[in-house]
Structures are given as C-alpha cells and as structure tokens.
Amino acid sequence: MSNPRFEQSSSHFRHELTRRVDAYFAQKTVSRHADARTWAVGLATLAITAAGWATLVFLAPVWWLAIPLCLFTGFAMAQVGFNVGHDAIHGALSSRRWVNALFARSFDVMGASSRMWAWAHNAVHHTFTNVPGTDHDLEPAGLLHLYKKPNAPWILRFQHLYAWPLYALTMVSWVFIKDFVQLQDRGAVTTRRDVIDVVGGKLLHATVWLALPLALSPFLWWQVLIGYALVMMAAGFTAAVVFQLAHVVEGPSFPTPDATNTLHDDFFVHQLKTTANFAPRHALSTALTGGLNHQVEHHLFPRVSHGHYPALSFIVENCAKEFGVPYHVNPTFFSALASHTRTLKRIGQAAGEAPVVSPAIG
C-alpha cells in the first residue's frame, strides 16, 4: 500500500499560524537559521565530544576513570546529534547547503546514516507522525511496542520496566541493524549511491571509534570494545528517551487512516494532535536536547533552527487555543518521563485485547 494522504491540504489554522510566524521573523529581522548562540552551543558539543575521545585515546585514564568518561562522552555525542546533526539534516543550521551537508555528517561519525535519517525521519516520520504501520519511529525491533498491536506477547505487560535497558541499545542497533533494514525497506528506490553512502558512513564511524583507539591507545582490544559499548549505550539511551517524550506520552494520538487510506486532518493539525513538548520553559532542557523539547514547533517548522523554538512556542500555543487545536505539553522533563512510563504500561496491559488494524508501510 502507498502512504496515507491527508483529507485536507490546508486549514484556517495553518494559514493563520504561518502568517503569525512569518510576521515574527519579519519584525525581528532575523534569519530562520542558527544564530550565534545556537552555533556556540553546537560547536561546544562537538568540542566536548572530541575532547572526551582524545582523553580516552591518548591520556589513557585508569579504568575507574575511563568508565565514567566513556559514559560522559556518549552523553556529549548525543548532544552533537541534537544540536548539530539534527538541524543540519533538516537544512535548518545554515542557509548554505554545503554547511548543512558537512555538519550532517556528524550523524555518520556517530554511527547513524545521515542519508537514511533524511528519508526515514524527515520524509516519513515528519509527515505521517504517529501513524501506526507508516511512521518508522513507532517500530522498534524486539519486545517493545509503542502502540497497541494484535497478538502482543504476555511479557509486554512489563515493558514499562524493561524498556529502559533496551533504550541503551538504540545506537548499537542503529549502527549494525537499523540503517541496513531501512536500505531494504526503500526497495526499488534504493540506489547504488545510497548503499555506498551508508557503508562509507559505517566505515568512518568504525575508524574513529574502533580502529584509531585500537591503534593509538594503550588499552587492550577487549578494553577498547568495552569502552566503545559504554559510549554507544550512553548516547543511545539519551537519544531514545528524548525522542520518546515527544510522541509516546499521554495526550498525543495514534491516528489510523480510514478505508480509503485517508487521514482526516490537514498536515498542521495532524502534527499538533500527535506531538508533545516537554519542559518548554527550561533553558537548560532546550540546550541539552537541541530544542527537541519543543517538538510541536519543530514538527510544524522543521527548517527553522531550534534556537527560535522557545519564542515560537508562545505564538503556536496561543494560535492553537484560539482555533481549538490540541497543544500537548508536559511542564517538566520528569513529568514527561512519568507520562511515557504510564503510556508504555497502558500499551503493555492491553496485550491480548482486540487487534488494531494498521496500514502496511508505504
């Protein structure tokens, strides 16, 4: 089956919100791309990650210092993904395409294909957000269900407990499984360039995080592998938790198309019904997540740098209230975390109930 279509191409809400956002940028006379502050934070995350890598490789700390340093470096790597790579792949970091293309490669260094992300995330997730069977972000491998599915195994009732260690495997799965599965999912549209790009990115990642440490550091091979695993687990856990708090929490819906494969909203309304913010008034949360705590604004205006999202959130929230459109928000990180836990538990406890009919992935 093909991807679903939206019943409405536009709405009064979309026109008015776009007008107000355009007016904001016209009044402020600022670029929609990253400002000096956003660049500073992004470059700082790159520098901190590089410093962590260099310290582990060249300064050879004792093992009891190496372990927390690996975890910190992984956490910093996730910040690079949030603050640099994510904006770059969306074309929001700079008005110059080559700059975005260059910094998008930070994803490949981390181990995630920037090319596959541009397809699965930008093109699919950002269009068909939270649509079961179409949104790839709702389909993690293994015993983790992010929406109600038929024939769910009994162990799913405990997923709100075992999900957390699974989240730590996110980047490991991404490096060795996810991108290759997505290459296959693209089917006939997959090109030789796609394959070369994905494989080349994996080789770059392996060179930076495995080959060079093995060649340059005094650590034994098995110590390097343990350190690599710790870095990737810290990065994966951080990334998984942040992304889950945007869609798999109480409030956002999981709409399914009707018999004609149609979604009964326009694109803007659909995004607000399926997305949530968390800790939107906390500057530290915005810095540490690259503005991904403002997921509502990001889904509406993905080509706008995340540095503008705090200001745009007031415009979006007020406009949504005027038009009676949902605006989901958890006031703090921990309230969002609790909401995600309850959502996982509710989905798990529904195991064995009537099946949910979902369209095939388009």
Protein backbone atom coordinates (compact mmCIF):
# COMPACT_ATOMS: atom_id res chain seq x y z
CA MET A 1 0.00 0.00 0.00
CA SER A 2 1.01 3.59 -0.58
CA ASN A 3 1.48 6.06 2.23
CA PRO A 4 -1.71 7.67 3.58
CA ARG A 5 -2.94 11.00 2.28
CA PHE A 6 -4.36 13.96 4.17
CA GLU A 7 -8.02 14.76 3.56
CA GLN A 8 -7.33 18.50 3.70
CA SER A 9 -4.40 20.19 2.01
CA SER A 10 -4.64 23.15 4.36
CA SER A 11 -6.76 24.80 7.07
CA HIS A 12 -7.57 28.23 8.51
CA PHE A 13 -5.35 27.34 11.45
CA ARG A 14 -2.40 26.62 9.19
CA HIS A 15 -2.81 29.88 7.26
CA GLU A 16 -3.09 32.00 10.39
CA LEU A 17 -0.22 30.32 12.24
CA THR A 18 2.05 30.62 9.21
CA ARG A 19 1.13 34.30 8.89
CA ARG A 20 1.99 34.96 12.54
CA VAL A 21 5.31 33.13 12.35
CA ASP A 22 6.24 34.98 9.16
CA ALA A 23 5.35 38.24 10.89
CA TYR A 24 7.58 37.33 13.83
CA PHE A 25 10.65 36.85 11.64
CA ALA A 26 9.84 39.97 9.62
CA GLN A 27 9.51 42.07 12.78
CA LYS A 28 12.68 40.66 14.36
CA THR A 29 14.58 40.86 11.04
CA VAL A 30 16.48 37.68 11.90
CA SER A 31 17.35 34.59 9.89
CA ARG A 32 15.37 31.41 10.41
CA HIS A 33 18.68 29.55 10.60
CA ALA A 34 21.01 29.18 13.57
CA ASP A 35 22.06 32.35 15.36
CA ALA A 36 25.39 32.93 17.13
CA ARG A 37 24.18 31.41 20.39
CA THR A 38 22.93 28.25 18.71
CA TRP A 39 26.19 27.89 16.79
CA ALA A 40 28.15 28.36 20.02
CA VAL A 41 26.25 25.59 21.80
CA GLY A 42 26.54 23.26 18.81
CA LEU A 43 30.28 23.80 18.37
CA ALA A 44 30.77 23.36 22.12
CA THR A 45 29.13 19.92 21.97
CA LEU A 46 31.47 18.95 19.13
CA ALA A 47 34.49 20.17 21.09
CA ILE A 48 33.45 18.38 24.29
CA THR A 49 32.87 15.10 22.44
CA ALA A 50 36.22 15.40 20.66
CA ALA A 51 37.94 16.16 23.97
CA GLY A 52 36.36 13.09 25.57
CA TRP A 53 37.51 10.92 22.65
CA ALA A 54 41.05 12.34 22.76
CA THR A 55 41.31 11.88 26.51
CA LEU A 56 40.26 8.26 26.26
CA VAL A 57 42.63 7.52 23.38
CA PHE A 58 45.75 9.48 24.29
CA LEU A 59 45.71 10.15 28.04
CA ALA A 60 44.80 6.59 28.96
CA PRO A 61 42.99 7.15 32.26
CA VAL A 62 42.79 4.28 34.72
CA TRP A 63 39.75 2.05 34.24
CA TRP A 64 37.75 3.52 37.11
CA LEU A 65 38.06 6.95 35.47
CA ALA A 66 37.65 5.61 31.94
CA ILE A 67 34.18 4.21 32.66
CA PRO A 68 32.50 7.50 33.67
CA LEU A 69 34.45 9.30 30.92
CA CYS A 70 33.05 6.86 28.33
CA LEU A 71 29.52 7.50 29.62
CA PHE A 72 30.06 11.26 29.58
CA THR A 73 31.48 11.13 26.05
CA GLY A 74 28.45 9.17 24.90
CA PHE A 75 26.14 11.72 26.50
CA ALA A 76 28.06 14.51 24.75
CA MET A 77 27.79 12.62 21.46
CA ALA A 78 24.02 12.64 21.80
CA GLN A 79 24.18 16.43 22.27
CA VAL A 80 26.01 16.68 18.95
CA GLY A 81 23.17 14.77 17.34
CA PHE A 82 20.56 17.03 18.93
CA ASN A 83 22.27 20.39 18.47
CA VAL A 84 24.22 19.95 15.25
CA GLY A 85 23.34 16.94 13.11
CA HIS A 86 19.58 17.13 13.52
CA ASP A 87 19.31 20.78 12.49
CA ALA A 88 21.79 20.24 9.65
CA ILE A 89 19.90 17.32 8.12
CA HIS A 90 16.72 19.40 8.21
CA GLY A 91 18.53 22.25 6.45
CA ALA A 92 17.93 24.49 9.48
CA LEU A 93 21.50 25.01 10.64
CA SER A 94 22.64 27.30 7.82
CA SER A 95 21.33 28.94 4.67
CA ARG A 96 24.27 27.34 2.83
CA ARG A 97 23.58 23.80 1.66
CA TRP A 98 27.23 22.74 1.86
CA VAL A 99 27.39 23.78 5.52
CA ASN A 100 24.33 21.69 6.33
CA ALA A 101 25.75 18.78 4.33
CA LEU A 102 29.06 19.00 6.18
CA PHE A 103 27.61 19.07 9.68
CA ALA A 104 25.02 16.43 8.80
CA ARG A 105 27.99 14.05 8.59
CA SER A 106 28.27 14.28 12.37
CA PHE A 107 25.48 11.69 12.32
CA ASP A 108 27.66 9.32 10.29
CA VAL A 109 30.56 9.75 12.71
CA MET A 110 28.16 8.82 15.50
CA GLY A 111 27.22 5.69 13.56
CA ALA A 112 23.79 6.69 12.20
CA SER A 113 23.46 7.20 8.45
CA SER A 114 22.55 10.82 7.74
CA ARG A 115 21.19 9.71 4.37
CA MET A 116 18.80 7.14 5.82
CA TRP A 117 17.77 9.55 8.58
CA ALA A 118 16.86 12.17 5.97
CA TRP A 119 14.47 9.66 4.42
CA ALA A 120 13.01 7.81 7.42
CA HIS A 121 12.85 10.84 9.71
CA ASN A 122 12.46 13.92 7.54
CA ALA A 123 10.28 12.43 4.83
CA VAL A 124 8.28 9.75 6.66
CA HIS A 125 8.17 10.49 10.41
CA HIS A 126 7.70 14.22 9.94
CA THR A 127 4.82 13.67 7.54
CA PHE A 128 2.97 10.66 8.98
CA THR A 129 3.76 11.27 12.64
CA ASN A 130 2.44 8.57 14.99
CA VAL A 131 0.59 6.76 12.20
CA PRO A 132 0.91 3.05 13.10
CA GLY A 133 2.43 0.98 10.33
CA THR A 134 3.82 4.01 8.49
CA ASP A 135 5.88 6.02 10.98
CA HIS A 136 9.16 4.10 11.30
CA ASP A 137 9.83 5.63 14.71
CA LEU A 138 6.94 3.60 16.11
CA GLU A 139 8.51 0.32 15.04
CA PRO A 140 11.48 -0.51 17.28
CA ALA A 141 12.76 -4.05 16.98
CA GLY A 142 12.13 -6.62 19.68
CA LEU A 143 9.71 -6.75 22.59
CA LEU A 144 8.87 -3.06 22.71
CA HIS A 145 5.51 -1.82 21.43
CA LEU A 146 4.81 1.91 21.20
CA TYR A 147 1.18 1.46 20.21
CA LYS A 148 -1.38 -1.33 20.62
CA LYS A 149 -0.69 -4.26 18.30
CA PRO A 150 -2.51 -7.55 17.73
CA ASN A 151 -1.19 -10.77 19.24
CA ALA A 152 1.08 -8.95 21.67
CA PRO A 153 3.07 -11.37 23.88
CA TRP A 154 2.31 -11.50 27.61
CA ILE A 155 5.74 -10.19 28.54
CA LEU A 156 4.74 -6.85 27.05
CA ARG A 157 2.89 -6.16 30.29
CA PHE A 158 6.29 -5.45 31.82
CA GLN A 159 7.67 -3.26 29.05
CA HIS A 160 7.44 -0.14 31.21
CA LEU A 161 10.16 -1.81 33.32
CA TYR A 162 12.42 -3.42 30.73
CA ALA A 163 12.20 -0.61 28.15
CA TRP A 164 14.92 1.39 29.86
CA PRO A 165 17.83 -1.03 29.37
CA LEU A 166 16.59 -1.60 25.82
CA TYR A 167 16.87 2.13 25.16
CA ALA A 168 20.58 1.85 25.91
CA LEU A 169 20.88 -0.42 22.85
CA THR A 170 19.44 2.20 20.49
CA MET A 171 22.73 3.33 18.93
CA VAL A 172 24.15 -0.20 18.78
CA SER A 173 21.05 -1.27 16.85
CA TRP A 174 21.29 1.81 14.68
CA VAL A 175 24.90 1.16 13.73
CA PHE A 176 24.60 -2.54 12.95
CA ILE A 177 20.95 -3.13 12.02
CA LYS A 178 18.58 -0.19 11.54
CA ASP A 179 20.21 1.61 8.60
CA PHE A 180 20.61 -1.63 6.64
CA VAL A 181 16.98 -2.55 7.29
CA GLN A 182 15.94 0.88 6.03
CA LEU A 183 18.00 0.41 2.90
CA GLN A 184 15.97 -2.74 2.29
CA ASP A 185 12.68 -1.01 3.16
CA ARG A 186 13.29 1.57 0.44
CA GLY A 187 13.09 -1.27 -2.04
CA ALA A 188 13.42 -0.36 -5.71
CA VAL A 189 14.16 3.31 -4.99
CA THR A 190 17.42 2.37 -3.23
CA THR A 191 20.34 3.45 -5.38
CA ARG A 192 23.99 2.44 -5.51
CA ARG A 193 24.77 5.86 -4.06
CA ASP A 194 22.56 5.08 -1.05
CA VAL A 195 24.46 1.86 -0.40
CA ILE A 196 27.87 3.48 -0.81
CA ASP A 197 26.86 6.36 1.46
CA VAL A 198 25.61 4.07 4.23
CA VAL A 199 28.60 1.72 4.06
CA GLY A 200 31.04 4.64 3.86
CA GLY A 201 29.46 6.20 6.93
CA LYS A 202 29.80 2.95 8.87
CA LEU A 203 33.48 2.72 7.91
CA LEU A 204 34.02 6.31 9.05
CA HIS A 205 32.36 5.54 12.37
CA ALA A 206 34.37 2.35 12.85
CA THR A 207 37.60 4.18 12.04
CA VAL A 208 37.00 6.93 14.60
CA TRP A 209 35.61 4.85 17.44
CA LEU A 210 37.35 1.49 16.97
CA ALA A 211 40.29 1.45 14.56
CA LEU A 212 42.05 4.57 15.83
CA PRO A 213 41.62 3.71 19.54
CA LEU A 214 42.91 0.20 18.85
CA ALA A 215 45.93 1.60 17.01
CA LEU A 216 46.73 4.61 19.18
CA SER A 217 45.64 3.88 22.74
CA PRO A 218 47.49 1.60 25.19
CA PHE A 219 44.26 -0.23 26.04
CA LEU A 220 43.85 -3.89 25.13
CA TRP A 221 41.39 -4.77 22.35
CA TRP A 222 38.73 -6.01 24.75
CA GLN A 223 39.04 -2.85 26.84
CA VAL A 224 38.51 -0.75 23.70
CA LEU A 225 35.40 -2.77 22.87
CA ILE A 226 34.01 -2.28 26.36
CA GLY A 227 34.69 1.45 26.16
CA TYR A 228 33.01 1.63 22.75
CA ALA A 229 29.97 -0.19 24.10
CA LEU A 230 29.70 2.22 27.05
CA VAL A 231 29.92 5.27 24.78
CA MET A 232 27.25 3.93 22.45
CA MET A 233 24.96 2.87 25.29
CA ALA A 234 25.10 6.31 26.89
CA ALA A 235 24.43 8.02 23.55
CA GLY A 236 21.62 5.62 22.66
CA PHE A 237 19.86 5.88 26.00
CA THR A 238 19.96 9.68 25.90
CA ALA A 239 18.67 9.86 22.33
CA ALA A 240 15.92 7.28 22.83
CA VAL A 241 14.49 8.91 25.94
CA VAL A 242 14.41 12.39 24.39
CA PHE A 243 12.67 11.19 21.23
CA GLN A 244 10.13 9.06 23.11
CA LEU A 245 8.99 12.00 25.23
CA ALA A 246 7.77 13.79 22.12
CA HIS A 247 5.22 11.27 20.87
CA VAL A 248 4.77 8.28 23.17
CA VAL A 249 3.25 10.10 26.12
CA GLU A 250 -0.27 10.81 27.31
CA GLY A 251 -2.08 13.24 25.03
CA PRO A 252 -0.74 12.62 21.50
CA SER A 253 -2.91 10.35 19.41
CA PHE A 254 -2.06 7.47 17.09
CA PRO A 255 -4.44 8.07 14.16
CA THR A 256 -5.08 5.36 11.59
CA PRO A 257 -6.31 6.10 8.05
CA ASP A 258 -9.82 5.12 7.00
CA ALA A 259 -10.71 2.51 4.42
CA THR A 260 -9.60 4.87 1.64
CA ASN A 261 -6.18 5.34 3.30
CA THR A 262 -7.05 8.91 4.27
CA LEU A 263 -6.16 10.89 7.40
CA HIS A 264 -8.91 13.31 8.36
CA ASP A 265 -6.84 16.39 9.15
CA ASP A 266 -4.53 18.74 7.37
CA PHE A 267 -0.78 18.41 7.98
CA PHE A 268 -0.52 21.14 10.66
CA VAL A 269 -3.43 19.91 12.75
CA HIS A 270 -2.15 16.34 12.48
CA GLN A 271 1.23 17.40 13.91
CA LEU A 272 -0.35 19.06 16.94
CA LYS A 273 -2.57 16.07 17.63
CA THR A 274 0.36 13.63 17.57
CA THR A 275 3.19 15.60 19.20
CA ALA A 276 4.03 16.96 22.66
CA ASN A 277 6.51 19.38 24.18
CA PHE A 278 8.25 18.89 27.50
CA ALA A 279 9.94 21.42 29.80
CA PRO A 280 9.44 24.15 27.18
CA ARG A 281 10.29 26.97 29.59
CA HIS A 282 13.54 25.39 30.81
CA ALA A 283 16.55 26.87 29.01
CA LEU A 284 18.82 24.03 30.12
CA SER A 285 16.43 21.42 28.68
CA THR A 286 16.40 23.31 25.39
CA ALA A 287 20.21 23.44 25.30
CA LEU A 288 20.70 19.78 26.24
CA THR A 289 18.11 18.50 23.75
CA GLY A 290 18.85 20.83 20.86
CA GLY A 291 15.33 22.23 21.13
CA LEU A 292 13.74 18.79 20.87
CA ASN A 293 11.77 19.60 24.00
CA HIS A 294 9.87 21.91 21.58
CA GLN A 295 8.78 19.08 19.31
CA VAL A 296 5.49 20.75 18.40
CA GLU A 297 7.27 23.75 16.92
CA HIS A 298 9.87 21.51 15.31
CA HIS A 299 7.26 19.41 13.55
CA LEU A 300 5.48 22.48 12.26
CA PHE A 301 8.62 24.33 11.17
CA PRO A 302 11.44 21.77 10.77
CA ARG A 303 13.54 24.07 8.58
CA VAL A 304 13.67 26.69 11.32
CA SER A 305 16.64 26.43 13.69
CA HIS A 306 15.76 25.14 17.16
CA GLY A 307 17.12 28.33 18.72
CA HIS A 308 13.91 30.09 17.67
CA TYR A 309 11.54 27.49 19.10
CA PRO A 310 11.14 28.98 22.62
CA ALA A 311 9.86 32.24 21.13
CA LEU A 312 7.71 30.49 18.51
CA SER A 313 6.13 28.27 21.16
CA PHE A 314 4.15 31.21 22.57
CA ILE A 315 2.82 32.00 19.09
CA VAL A 316 1.90 28.39 18.36
CA GLU A 317 0.25 27.77 21.72
CA ASN A 318 -1.88 30.93 21.57
CA CYS A 319 -2.95 30.25 17.98
CA ALA A 320 -3.81 26.63 18.80
CA LYS A 321 -6.01 27.72 21.71
CA GLU A 322 -7.84 30.23 19.52
CA PHE A 323 -8.63 27.58 16.91
CA GLY A 324 -9.40 24.79 19.38
CA VAL A 325 -6.46 22.68 18.23
CA PRO A 326 -4.72 20.50 20.87
CA TYR A 327 -1.39 21.72 22.23
CA HIS A 328 0.16 18.93 24.29
CA VAL A 329 2.84 19.81 26.81
CA ASN A 330 4.42 18.29 29.92
CA PRO A 331 5.77 21.10 32.10
CA THR A 332 8.95 19.30 33.19
CA PHE A 333 11.26 16.57 31.96
CA PHE A 334 10.30 14.31 34.84
CA SER A 335 6.56 14.75 34.30
CA ALA A 336 7.11 13.74 30.67
CA LEU A 337 9.18 10.76 31.81
CA ALA A 338 6.37 9.66 34.13
CA SER A 339 3.83 10.10 31.35
CA HIS A 340 5.91 7.97 28.99
CA THR A 341 6.18 5.25 31.61
CA ARG A 342 2.41 5.22 32.13
CA THR A 343 1.87 5.10 28.37
CA LEU A 344 4.18 2.10 27.97
CA LYS A 345 2.38 0.37 30.83
CA ARG A 346 -1.06 1.06 29.36
CA ILE A 347 0.01 -0.28 25.94
CA GLY A 348 1.54 -3.34 27.57
CA GLN A 349 -1.52 -4.09 29.68
CA ALA A 350 -3.63 -4.04 26.51
CA ALA A 351 -1.86 -7.18 25.28
CA GLY A 352 -4.44 -9.70 24.24
CA GLU A 353 -7.19 -7.16 23.52
CA ALA A 354 -8.86 -6.72 20.15
CA PRO A 355 -6.31 -6.12 17.37
CA VAL A 356 -5.57 -2.70 15.92
CA VAL A 357 -5.80 -2.63 12.16
CA SER A 358 -2.90 -0.67 10.69
CA PRO A 359 -1.89 0.04 7.09
CA ALA A 360 1.18 -1.54 5.58
CA ILE A 361 4.34 0.52 5.48
CA GLY A 362 4.35 2.53 2.31
